[in-house]
Amino acid sequence: MDLDAFLPSITRGDAHAFGQWLARAEPTVRLSLRSFASVVDVEAVLQEALLRVWQVAPRFVPDGKPNGLLRLAIRIARNLAVSELRRTKARPAEAEEIEAALADDDPAPTPPDPMLRRAISVCRDKLPPMPRQAFEARLASAGGEDDDQLATRLNMRLNTFLQNFTRARKLLAECLKRAGVVLHEELGR
């Protein structure tokens, strides 16, 4: 199906039409980001890309080929992912690096830094209520629950939960930076 069928209504600002377009386009845009999944927060990139599509849709001029707005969404999402990759200088670990880390013969883990723990605690306490709730729920689940379940438990829509979690991460990182914590050094990257 050519999703540009929704374009006339979307350009008039019809949020319902954009919702219908979004429901059909989102899986394709998400799939186009799978190669970035190990190095960037794909969910945050996806959310930002779709927001930008909504913002530029009224000015979008189709090129006559099918799914022009979808192709634009994919381009925006991939460009955002590349920008995030460059900004964080992240890269996926090679299999050899993972194996070397697992084979490390140092049996004694490095004890936690009490000053770092204190800085994290102080910054966590400064988070606004909703982002803190989302952040703490994700931490507490330790990967045992998916975001849909966490959002339901917190009486949030999934999108709201993800936005709150992303905001919490950003605010926490900014607070730690102001406290003099250099995250990439602390994380060993």
N, C-alpha and C. Protein backbone atom coordinates (compact mmCIF):
# COMPACT_ATOMS: atom_id res chain seq x y z
N MET A 1 0.84 -1.19 0.00
CA MET A 1 0.00 0.00 0.00
C MET A 1 0.88 1.24 0.00
N ASP A 2 0.54 2.19 -0.84
CA ASP A 2 1.27 3.46 -0.87
C ASP A 2 0.74 4.33 0.26
N LEU A 3 1.55 4.53 1.28
CA LEU A 3 1.13 5.29 2.45
C LEU A 3 0.96 6.78 2.16
N ASP A 4 1.38 7.22 1.00
CA ASP A 4 1.19 8.62 0.63
C ASP A 4 -0.30 8.94 0.42
N ALA A 5 -1.16 7.92 0.45
CA ALA A 5 -2.60 8.16 0.37
C ALA A 5 -3.07 9.00 1.56
N PHE A 6 -2.35 8.93 2.68
CA PHE A 6 -2.70 9.71 3.86
C PHE A 6 -2.16 11.13 3.79
N LEU A 7 -1.27 11.39 2.85
CA LEU A 7 -0.56 12.66 2.79
C LEU A 7 -1.45 13.90 2.70
N PRO A 8 -2.47 13.92 1.85
CA PRO A 8 -3.31 15.14 1.79
C PRO A 8 -3.91 15.50 3.15
N SER A 9 -4.38 14.51 3.89
CA SER A 9 -4.95 14.80 5.21
C SER A 9 -3.87 15.20 6.20
N ILE A 10 -2.71 14.54 6.12
CA ILE A 10 -1.61 14.86 7.04
C ILE A 10 -1.14 16.29 6.82
N THR A 11 -1.04 16.70 5.57
CA THR A 11 -0.57 18.07 5.30
C THR A 11 -1.55 19.13 5.80
N ARG A 12 -2.81 18.74 5.98
CA ARG A 12 -3.80 19.65 6.56
C ARG A 12 -3.77 19.61 8.09
N GLY A 13 -2.86 18.82 8.65
CA GLY A 13 -2.73 18.75 10.10
C GLY A 13 -3.65 17.74 10.76
N ASP A 14 -4.16 16.78 10.01
CA ASP A 14 -5.06 15.77 10.55
C ASP A 14 -4.26 14.74 11.35
N ALA A 15 -4.32 14.85 12.67
CA ALA A 15 -3.56 13.95 13.55
C ALA A 15 -4.03 12.51 13.41
N HIS A 16 -5.32 12.30 13.18
CA HIS A 16 -5.83 10.93 13.01
C HIS A 16 -5.21 10.27 11.77
N ALA A 17 -5.14 11.02 10.67
CA ALA A 17 -4.54 10.48 9.45
C ALA A 17 -3.07 10.18 9.68
N PHE A 18 -2.39 11.07 10.42
CA PHE A 18 -0.98 10.81 10.72
C PHE A 18 -0.85 9.56 11.59
N GLY A 19 -1.77 9.37 12.52
CA GLY A 19 -1.76 8.17 13.35
C GLY A 19 -1.92 6.90 12.52
N GLN A 20 -2.80 6.96 11.52
CA GLN A 20 -2.98 5.80 10.64
C GLN A 20 -1.72 5.55 9.82
N TRP A 21 -1.13 6.64 9.30
CA TRP A 21 0.11 6.51 8.56
C TRP A 21 1.20 5.93 9.46
N LEU A 22 1.29 6.47 10.67
CA LEU A 22 2.30 6.05 11.63
C LEU A 22 2.18 4.58 11.98
N ALA A 23 0.96 4.11 12.19
CA ALA A 23 0.75 2.70 12.54
C ALA A 23 1.27 1.77 11.45
N ARG A 24 1.19 2.21 10.21
CA ARG A 24 1.66 1.38 9.10
C ARG A 24 3.14 1.59 8.80
N ALA A 25 3.66 2.79 9.06
CA ALA A 25 5.03 3.13 8.70
C ALA A 25 6.04 2.76 9.77
N GLU A 26 5.64 2.82 11.03
CA GLU A 26 6.58 2.65 12.14
C GLU A 26 7.37 1.34 12.09
N PRO A 27 6.76 0.19 11.79
CA PRO A 27 7.55 -1.04 11.75
C PRO A 27 8.66 -0.99 10.69
N THR A 28 8.39 -0.37 9.55
CA THR A 28 9.40 -0.28 8.49
C THR A 28 10.53 0.65 8.90
N VAL A 29 10.18 1.79 9.52
CA VAL A 29 11.22 2.72 9.97
C VAL A 29 12.06 2.07 11.05
N ARG A 30 11.41 1.39 12.00
CA ARG A 30 12.13 0.69 13.08
C ARG A 30 13.08 -0.35 12.50
N LEU A 31 12.60 -1.12 11.54
CA LEU A 31 13.43 -2.16 10.92
C LEU A 31 14.64 -1.55 10.22
N SER A 32 14.48 -0.36 9.66
CA SER A 32 15.61 0.28 8.96
C SER A 32 16.72 0.68 9.94
N LEU A 33 16.41 0.72 11.23
CA LEU A 33 17.40 1.12 12.24
C LEU A 33 18.05 -0.07 12.95
N ARG A 34 17.71 -1.29 12.56
CA ARG A 34 18.19 -2.45 13.32
C ARG A 34 19.71 -2.55 13.37
N SER A 35 20.40 -2.07 12.35
CA SER A 35 21.87 -2.17 12.38
C SER A 35 22.49 -1.24 13.42
N PHE A 36 21.70 -0.28 13.92
CA PHE A 36 22.20 0.65 14.94
C PHE A 36 21.85 0.20 16.36
N ALA A 37 21.08 -0.88 16.49
CA ALA A 37 20.52 -1.27 17.79
C ALA A 37 21.56 -1.51 18.87
N SER A 38 22.73 -1.95 18.52
CA SER A 38 23.73 -2.25 19.54
C SER A 38 24.55 -1.03 19.95
N VAL A 39 24.38 0.09 19.27
CA VAL A 39 25.24 1.24 19.57
C VAL A 39 24.52 2.55 19.87
N VAL A 40 23.22 2.64 19.58
CA VAL A 40 22.47 3.86 19.90
C VAL A 40 21.12 3.47 20.50
N ASP A 41 20.46 4.40 21.13
CA ASP A 41 19.13 4.20 21.68
C ASP A 41 18.14 4.34 20.51
N VAL A 42 17.86 3.22 19.87
CA VAL A 42 17.03 3.21 18.67
C VAL A 42 15.64 3.75 18.97
N GLU A 43 15.11 3.45 20.14
CA GLU A 43 13.76 3.93 20.47
C GLU A 43 13.72 5.45 20.50
N ALA A 44 14.74 6.07 21.08
CA ALA A 44 14.79 7.54 21.14
C ALA A 44 14.96 8.11 19.73
N VAL A 45 15.79 7.48 18.92
CA VAL A 45 15.99 7.94 17.54
C VAL A 45 14.69 7.82 16.77
N LEU A 46 14.00 6.71 16.93
CA LEU A 46 12.73 6.49 16.23
C LEU A 46 11.70 7.54 16.63
N GLN A 47 11.57 7.79 17.92
CA GLN A 47 10.61 8.78 18.40
C GLN A 47 10.92 10.16 17.83
N GLU A 48 12.19 10.53 17.87
CA GLU A 48 12.60 11.85 17.35
C GLU A 48 12.34 11.94 15.85
N ALA A 49 12.63 10.87 15.12
CA ALA A 49 12.42 10.87 13.67
C ALA A 49 10.94 11.04 13.33
N LEU A 50 10.09 10.32 14.02
CA LEU A 50 8.66 10.40 13.73
C LEU A 50 8.09 11.77 14.11
N LEU A 51 8.61 12.34 15.16
CA LEU A 51 8.20 13.71 15.53
C LEU A 51 8.61 14.68 14.43
N ARG A 52 9.81 14.53 13.91
CA ARG A 52 10.27 15.41 12.84
C ARG A 52 9.45 15.23 11.57
N VAL A 53 9.05 14.00 11.28
CA VAL A 53 8.20 13.76 10.10
C VAL A 53 6.89 14.52 10.27
N TRP A 54 6.29 14.45 11.45
CA TRP A 54 5.04 15.17 11.70
C TRP A 54 5.24 16.68 11.49
N GLN A 55 6.40 17.19 11.90
CA GLN A 55 6.67 18.62 11.78
C GLN A 55 6.90 19.05 10.33
N VAL A 56 7.55 18.20 9.53
CA VAL A 56 7.85 18.61 8.16
C VAL A 56 6.79 18.16 7.15
N ALA A 57 5.89 17.29 7.56
CA ALA A 57 4.88 16.74 6.63
C ALA A 57 4.09 17.81 5.89
N PRO A 58 3.69 18.91 6.53
CA PRO A 58 2.91 19.92 5.79
C PRO A 58 3.69 20.54 4.62
N ARG A 59 5.01 20.51 4.68
CA ARG A 59 5.84 21.09 3.61
C ARG A 59 6.38 20.03 2.65
N PHE A 60 6.06 18.77 2.90
CA PHE A 60 6.59 17.68 2.08
C PHE A 60 5.97 17.71 0.68
N VAL A 61 6.83 17.62 -0.32
CA VAL A 61 6.38 17.58 -1.72
C VAL A 61 6.73 16.20 -2.27
N PRO A 62 5.73 15.37 -2.60
CA PRO A 62 6.01 14.03 -3.11
C PRO A 62 6.79 14.08 -4.43
N ASP A 63 7.62 13.08 -4.65
CA ASP A 63 8.42 13.01 -5.87
C ASP A 63 7.76 12.16 -6.95
N GLY A 64 6.54 11.68 -6.67
CA GLY A 64 5.82 10.88 -7.65
C GLY A 64 6.02 9.39 -7.46
N LYS A 65 7.01 9.00 -6.69
CA LYS A 65 7.24 7.58 -6.41
C LYS A 65 6.42 7.21 -5.17
N PRO A 66 6.07 5.92 -5.04
CA PRO A 66 5.26 5.50 -3.89
C PRO A 66 6.01 5.70 -2.55
N ASN A 67 5.24 5.90 -1.51
CA ASN A 67 5.74 5.98 -0.14
C ASN A 67 6.82 7.04 0.07
N GLY A 68 6.62 8.19 -0.50
CA GLY A 68 7.59 9.28 -0.37
C GLY A 68 7.80 9.71 1.07
N LEU A 69 6.71 9.84 1.83
CA LEU A 69 6.83 10.26 3.21
C LEU A 69 7.52 9.18 4.05
N LEU A 70 7.25 7.93 3.75
CA LEU A 70 7.92 6.83 4.44
C LEU A 70 9.41 6.84 4.14
N ARG A 71 9.76 7.07 2.89
CA ARG A 71 11.19 7.13 2.54
C ARG A 71 11.87 8.30 3.25
N LEU A 72 11.16 9.42 3.37
CA LEU A 72 11.69 10.56 4.10
C LEU A 72 11.90 10.19 5.57
N ALA A 73 10.93 9.50 6.17
CA ALA A 73 11.02 9.09 7.57
C ALA A 73 12.23 8.19 7.79
N ILE A 74 12.47 7.26 6.88
CA ILE A 74 13.62 6.37 6.99
C ILE A 74 14.92 7.16 6.89
N ARG A 75 14.97 8.11 5.96
CA ARG A 75 16.18 8.92 5.80
C ARG A 75 16.44 9.76 7.05
N ILE A 76 15.38 10.37 7.60
CA ILE A 76 15.53 11.17 8.82
C ILE A 76 16.01 10.28 9.96
N ALA A 77 15.41 9.11 10.13
CA ALA A 77 15.76 8.21 11.22
C ALA A 77 17.21 7.74 11.09
N ARG A 78 17.61 7.37 9.91
CA ARG A 78 19.00 6.89 9.73
C ARG A 78 20.00 8.02 9.94
N ASN A 79 19.67 9.23 9.47
CA ASN A 79 20.56 10.37 9.69
C ASN A 79 20.69 10.69 11.18
N LEU A 80 19.57 10.61 11.91
CA LEU A 80 19.62 10.84 13.36
C LEU A 80 20.47 9.76 14.04
N ALA A 81 20.32 8.52 13.62
CA ALA A 81 21.10 7.43 14.21
C ALA A 81 22.59 7.64 13.94
N VAL A 82 22.95 8.03 12.73
CA VAL A 82 24.35 8.29 12.41
C VAL A 82 24.88 9.46 13.23
N SER A 83 24.08 10.50 13.39
CA SER A 83 24.50 11.65 14.20
C SER A 83 24.72 11.23 15.65
N GLU A 84 23.81 10.42 16.17
CA GLU A 84 23.95 9.94 17.55
C GLU A 84 25.19 9.06 17.69
N LEU A 85 25.43 8.25 16.70
CA LEU A 85 26.61 7.38 16.70
C LEU A 85 27.88 8.22 16.71
N ARG A 86 27.92 9.26 15.90
CA ARG A 86 29.09 10.15 15.88
C ARG A 86 29.23 10.90 17.19
N ARG A 87 28.10 11.36 17.74
CA ARG A 87 28.13 12.13 18.97
C ARG A 87 28.68 11.30 20.13
N THR A 88 28.24 10.05 20.23
CA THR A 88 28.66 9.20 21.34
C THR A 88 29.94 8.44 21.05
N LYS A 89 30.34 8.43 19.79
CA LYS A 89 31.52 7.68 19.38
C LYS A 89 31.43 6.19 19.76
N ALA A 90 30.20 5.70 19.82
CA ALA A 90 29.97 4.31 20.18
C ALA A 90 30.23 3.42 18.97
N ARG A 91 30.55 2.20 19.25
CA ARG A 91 30.71 1.20 18.20
C ARG A 91 30.41 -0.16 18.78
N PRO A 92 29.92 -1.07 17.95
CA PRO A 92 29.64 -2.41 18.49
C PRO A 92 30.94 -3.12 18.83
N ALA A 93 30.91 -3.91 19.86
CA ALA A 93 32.10 -4.68 20.25
C ALA A 93 32.27 -5.86 19.30
N GLU A 94 33.49 -6.13 18.95
CA GLU A 94 33.79 -7.29 18.11
C GLU A 94 33.75 -8.54 18.98
N ALA A 95 33.49 -9.69 18.37
CA ALA A 95 33.40 -10.95 19.11
C ALA A 95 34.68 -11.23 19.90
N GLU A 96 35.82 -10.89 19.30
CA GLU A 96 37.10 -11.14 19.97
C GLU A 96 37.22 -10.30 21.26
N GLU A 97 36.74 -9.06 21.19
CA GLU A 97 36.79 -8.19 22.38
C GLU A 97 35.92 -8.74 23.49
N ILE A 98 34.76 -9.24 23.13
CA ILE A 98 33.85 -9.80 24.13
C ILE A 98 34.48 -11.03 24.77
N GLU A 99 35.04 -11.89 23.93
CA GLU A 99 35.67 -13.11 24.45
C GLU A 99 36.87 -12.76 25.33
N ALA A 100 37.64 -11.76 24.95
CA ALA A 100 38.80 -11.36 25.76
C ALA A 100 38.33 -10.81 27.11
N ALA A 101 37.27 -10.06 27.10
CA ALA A 101 36.75 -9.51 28.36
C ALA A 101 36.24 -10.63 29.26
N LEU A 102 35.59 -11.63 28.66
CA LEU A 102 35.09 -12.75 29.45
C LEU A 102 36.22 -13.62 29.98
N ALA A 103 37.30 -13.69 29.22
CA ALA A 103 38.43 -14.54 29.62
C ALA A 103 39.39 -13.82 30.55
N ASP A 104 39.14 -12.55 30.82
CA ASP A 104 40.00 -11.78 31.71
C ASP A 104 40.20 -12.55 33.00
N ASP A 105 41.47 -12.78 33.37
CA ASP A 105 41.75 -13.63 34.53
C ASP A 105 41.75 -12.87 35.86
N ASP A 106 41.28 -11.63 35.87
CA ASP A 106 41.20 -10.87 37.10
C ASP A 106 39.92 -11.27 37.83
N PRO A 107 40.04 -12.15 38.85
CA PRO A 107 38.84 -12.64 39.52
C PRO A 107 38.17 -11.61 40.42
N ALA A 108 38.91 -10.60 40.87
CA ALA A 108 38.36 -9.62 41.80
C ALA A 108 37.81 -8.43 41.03
N PRO A 109 36.50 -8.23 41.04
CA PRO A 109 35.96 -7.06 40.35
C PRO A 109 36.37 -5.79 41.09
N THR A 110 36.45 -4.71 40.34
CA THR A 110 36.80 -3.43 40.93
C THR A 110 35.67 -3.00 41.86
N PRO A 111 36.01 -2.63 43.09
CA PRO A 111 34.95 -2.21 44.00
C PRO A 111 34.30 -0.92 43.51
N PRO A 112 33.04 -0.72 43.83
CA PRO A 112 32.36 0.49 43.37
C PRO A 112 32.97 1.74 43.99
N ASP A 113 32.97 2.79 43.25
CA ASP A 113 33.51 4.08 43.71
C ASP A 113 32.43 4.76 44.54
N PRO A 114 32.66 4.97 45.85
CA PRO A 114 31.62 5.57 46.69
C PRO A 114 31.26 6.99 46.28
N MET A 115 32.21 7.75 45.75
CA MET A 115 31.91 9.12 45.32
C MET A 115 31.03 9.10 44.07
N LEU A 116 31.31 8.16 43.18
CA LEU A 116 30.48 8.04 41.99
C LEU A 116 29.07 7.61 42.37
N ARG A 117 28.96 6.64 43.27
CA ARG A 117 27.64 6.19 43.72
C ARG A 117 26.86 7.35 44.33
N ARG A 118 27.55 8.18 45.11
CA ARG A 118 26.91 9.33 45.76
C ARG A 118 26.42 10.32 44.69
N ALA A 119 27.26 10.60 43.67
CA ALA A 119 26.87 11.53 42.61
C ALA A 119 25.66 11.01 41.85
N ILE A 120 25.64 9.71 41.58
CA ILE A 120 24.50 9.11 40.88
C ILE A 120 23.24 9.24 41.74
N SER A 121 23.38 8.96 43.02
CA SER A 121 22.24 9.04 43.94
C SER A 121 21.68 10.46 44.01
N VAL A 122 22.57 11.44 44.13
CA VAL A 122 22.14 12.84 44.20
C VAL A 122 21.43 13.24 42.91
N CYS A 123 22.00 12.87 41.77
CA CYS A 123 21.40 13.22 40.48
C CYS A 123 20.06 12.50 40.28
N ARG A 124 19.99 11.27 40.72
CA ARG A 124 18.74 10.51 40.60
C ARG A 124 17.64 11.17 41.44
N ASP A 125 18.00 11.67 42.61
CA ASP A 125 17.03 12.33 43.47
C ASP A 125 16.51 13.63 42.86
N LYS A 126 17.26 14.22 41.94
CA LYS A 126 16.87 15.48 41.32
C LYS A 126 15.94 15.28 40.12
N LEU A 127 15.76 14.05 39.67
CA LEU A 127 14.90 13.80 38.51
C LEU A 127 13.46 14.18 38.82
N PRO A 128 12.75 14.75 37.83
CA PRO A 128 11.32 15.02 38.01
C PRO A 128 10.57 13.70 38.25
N PRO A 129 9.41 13.74 38.87
CA PRO A 129 8.71 12.51 39.28
C PRO A 129 8.45 11.49 38.17
N MET A 130 7.90 11.91 37.04
CA MET A 130 7.54 10.94 36.00
C MET A 130 8.78 10.31 35.35
N PRO A 131 9.78 11.12 34.93
CA PRO A 131 10.98 10.49 34.40
C PRO A 131 11.66 9.56 35.42
N ARG A 132 11.66 9.97 36.68
CA ARG A 132 12.28 9.13 37.71
C ARG A 132 11.54 7.82 37.85
N GLN A 133 10.21 7.87 37.80
CA GLN A 133 9.40 6.66 37.90
C GLN A 133 9.75 5.69 36.77
N ALA A 134 9.82 6.21 35.55
CA ALA A 134 10.14 5.36 34.40
C ALA A 134 11.54 4.80 34.52
N PHE A 135 12.48 5.65 34.92
CA PHE A 135 13.88 5.24 35.05
C PHE A 135 14.02 4.14 36.10
N GLU A 136 13.41 4.35 37.26
CA GLU A 136 13.54 3.37 38.34
C GLU A 136 12.82 2.07 38.02
N ALA A 137 11.71 2.16 37.29
CA ALA A 137 11.01 0.93 36.89
C ALA A 137 11.87 0.09 35.97
N ARG A 138 12.54 0.75 35.02
CA ARG A 138 13.40 0.00 34.09
C ARG A 138 14.57 -0.61 34.85
N LEU A 139 15.16 0.14 35.76
CA LEU A 139 16.28 -0.40 36.56
C LEU A 139 15.82 -1.58 37.41
N ALA A 140 14.69 -1.42 38.08
CA ALA A 140 14.20 -2.47 38.97
C ALA A 140 13.86 -3.75 38.21
N SER A 141 13.40 -3.62 36.98
CA SER A 141 13.03 -4.82 36.22
C SER A 141 14.26 -5.59 35.75
N ALA A 142 15.40 -4.90 35.67
CA ALA A 142 16.66 -5.53 35.26
C ALA A 142 16.50 -6.36 33.99
N GLY A 143 15.68 -5.87 33.07
CA GLY A 143 15.48 -6.57 31.81
C GLY A 143 14.45 -7.68 31.87
N GLY A 144 13.84 -7.88 33.03
CA GLY A 144 12.86 -8.95 33.20
C GLY A 144 11.50 -8.64 32.62
N GLU A 145 11.22 -7.36 32.41
CA GLU A 145 9.94 -6.95 31.83
C GLU A 145 10.22 -6.04 30.64
N ASP A 146 9.39 -6.16 29.62
CA ASP A 146 9.58 -5.25 28.50
C ASP A 146 8.91 -3.90 28.82
N ASP A 147 9.22 -2.91 28.00
CA ASP A 147 8.75 -1.55 28.26
C ASP A 147 7.23 -1.45 28.27
N ASP A 148 6.57 -2.27 27.46
CA ASP A 148 5.11 -2.28 27.45
C ASP A 148 4.55 -2.64 28.82
N GLN A 149 5.14 -3.67 29.43
CA GLN A 149 4.69 -4.10 30.76
C GLN A 149 4.97 -3.02 31.81
N LEU A 150 6.15 -2.43 31.72
CA LEU A 150 6.51 -1.39 32.68
C LEU A 150 5.56 -0.20 32.55
N ALA A 151 5.28 0.20 31.32
CA ALA A 151 4.37 1.33 31.08
C ALA A 151 2.99 1.03 31.65
N THR A 152 2.49 -0.17 31.42
CA THR A 152 1.18 -0.55 31.93
C THR A 152 1.16 -0.50 33.46
N ARG A 153 2.23 -1.03 34.07
CA ARG A 153 2.31 -1.04 35.53
C ARG A 153 2.32 0.38 36.09
N LEU A 154 2.89 1.33 35.35
CA LEU A 154 2.97 2.72 35.80
C LEU A 154 1.78 3.56 35.31
N ASN A 155 0.81 2.90 34.67
CA ASN A 155 -0.35 3.60 34.11
C ASN A 155 0.05 4.67 33.11
N MET A 156 1.02 4.34 32.26
CA MET A 156 1.48 5.25 31.21
C MET A 156 1.27 4.56 29.87
N ARG A 157 1.08 5.36 28.84
CA ARG A 157 1.13 4.82 27.48
C ARG A 157 2.59 4.49 27.20
N LEU A 158 2.83 3.55 26.32
CA LEU A 158 4.20 3.15 26.01
C LEU A 158 5.03 4.34 25.56
N ASN A 159 4.47 5.15 24.67
CA ASN A 159 5.20 6.32 24.17
C ASN A 159 5.57 7.27 25.31
N THR A 160 4.64 7.48 26.23
CA THR A 160 4.89 8.36 27.38
C THR A 160 6.00 7.78 28.25
N PHE A 161 5.94 6.48 28.48
CA PHE A 161 6.97 5.82 29.28
C PHE A 161 8.35 6.00 28.64
N LEU A 162 8.42 5.76 27.32
CA LEU A 162 9.71 5.86 26.62
C LEU A 162 10.23 7.30 26.63
N GLN A 163 9.34 8.26 26.47
CA GLN A 163 9.76 9.66 26.53
C GLN A 163 10.27 10.02 27.92
N ASN A 164 9.59 9.54 28.95
CA ASN A 164 10.02 9.81 30.32
C ASN A 164 11.37 9.15 30.61
N PHE A 165 11.55 7.92 30.13
CA PHE A 165 12.82 7.24 30.36
C PHE A 165 13.96 7.96 29.65
N THR A 166 13.73 8.35 28.40
CA THR A 166 14.75 9.07 27.63
C THR A 166 15.09 10.39 28.30
N ARG A 167 14.07 11.08 28.79
CA ARG A 167 14.30 12.35 29.49
C ARG A 167 15.10 12.12 30.76
N ALA A 168 14.78 11.07 31.49
CA ALA A 168 15.52 10.75 32.73
C ALA A 168 16.99 10.49 32.43
N ARG A 169 17.26 9.71 31.39
CA ARG A 169 18.67 9.43 31.03
C ARG A 169 19.41 10.71 30.69
N LYS A 170 18.75 11.56 29.92
CA LYS A 170 19.39 12.82 29.51
C LYS A 170 19.66 13.70 30.72
N LEU A 171 18.65 13.86 31.58
CA LEU A 171 18.82 14.71 32.76
C LEU A 171 19.87 14.15 33.71
N LEU A 172 19.89 12.83 33.86
CA LEU A 172 20.89 12.19 34.73
C LEU A 172 22.29 12.42 34.17
N ALA A 173 22.46 12.25 32.87
CA ALA A 173 23.77 12.47 32.25
C ALA A 173 24.22 13.92 32.40
N GLU A 174 23.30 14.86 32.21
CA GLU A 174 23.64 16.28 32.36
C GLU A 174 24.04 16.60 33.79
N CYS A 175 23.31 16.06 34.76
CA CYS A 175 23.60 16.30 36.17
C CYS A 175 24.97 15.71 36.53
N LEU A 176 25.24 14.50 36.07
CA LEU A 176 26.53 13.88 36.37
C LEU A 176 27.67 14.67 35.73
N LYS A 177 27.44 15.18 34.53
CA LYS A 177 28.46 15.99 33.87
C LYS A 177 28.75 17.25 34.69
N ARG A 178 27.69 17.90 35.17
CA ARG A 178 27.88 19.09 36.02
C ARG A 178 28.61 18.74 37.31
N ALA A 179 28.45 17.51 37.78
CA ALA A 179 29.12 17.06 39.00
C ALA A 179 30.57 16.64 38.73
N GLY A 180 30.98 16.73 37.46
CA GLY A 180 32.36 16.40 37.11
C GLY A 180 32.60 14.95 36.75
N VAL A 181 31.53 14.20 36.58
CA VAL A 181 31.67 12.79 36.21
C VAL A 181 31.80 12.70 34.70
N VAL A 182 32.86 12.07 34.23
CA VAL A 182 33.08 11.87 32.80
C VAL A 182 32.61 10.44 32.50
N LEU A 183 31.39 10.36 31.95
CA LEU A 183 30.73 9.07 31.79
C LEU A 183 31.54 8.07 30.97
N HIS A 184 32.08 8.52 29.84
CA HIS A 184 32.79 7.54 29.00
C HIS A 184 34.02 6.99 29.71
N GLU A 185 34.61 7.73 30.62
CA GLU A 185 35.73 7.20 31.40
C GLU A 185 35.23 6.23 32.46
N GLU A 186 34.15 6.58 33.11
CA GLU A 186 33.59 5.71 34.15
C GLU A 186 33.09 4.40 33.58
N LEU A 187 32.58 4.45 32.36
CA LEU A 187 32.06 3.26 31.72
C LEU A 187 33.14 2.48 30.98
N GLY A 188 34.36 3.01 30.97
CA GLY A 188 35.48 2.30 30.34
C GLY A 188 35.41 2.29 28.83
N ARG A 189 34.87 3.36 28.24
CA ARG A 189 34.77 3.41 26.76
C ARG A 189 35.76 4.38 26.20
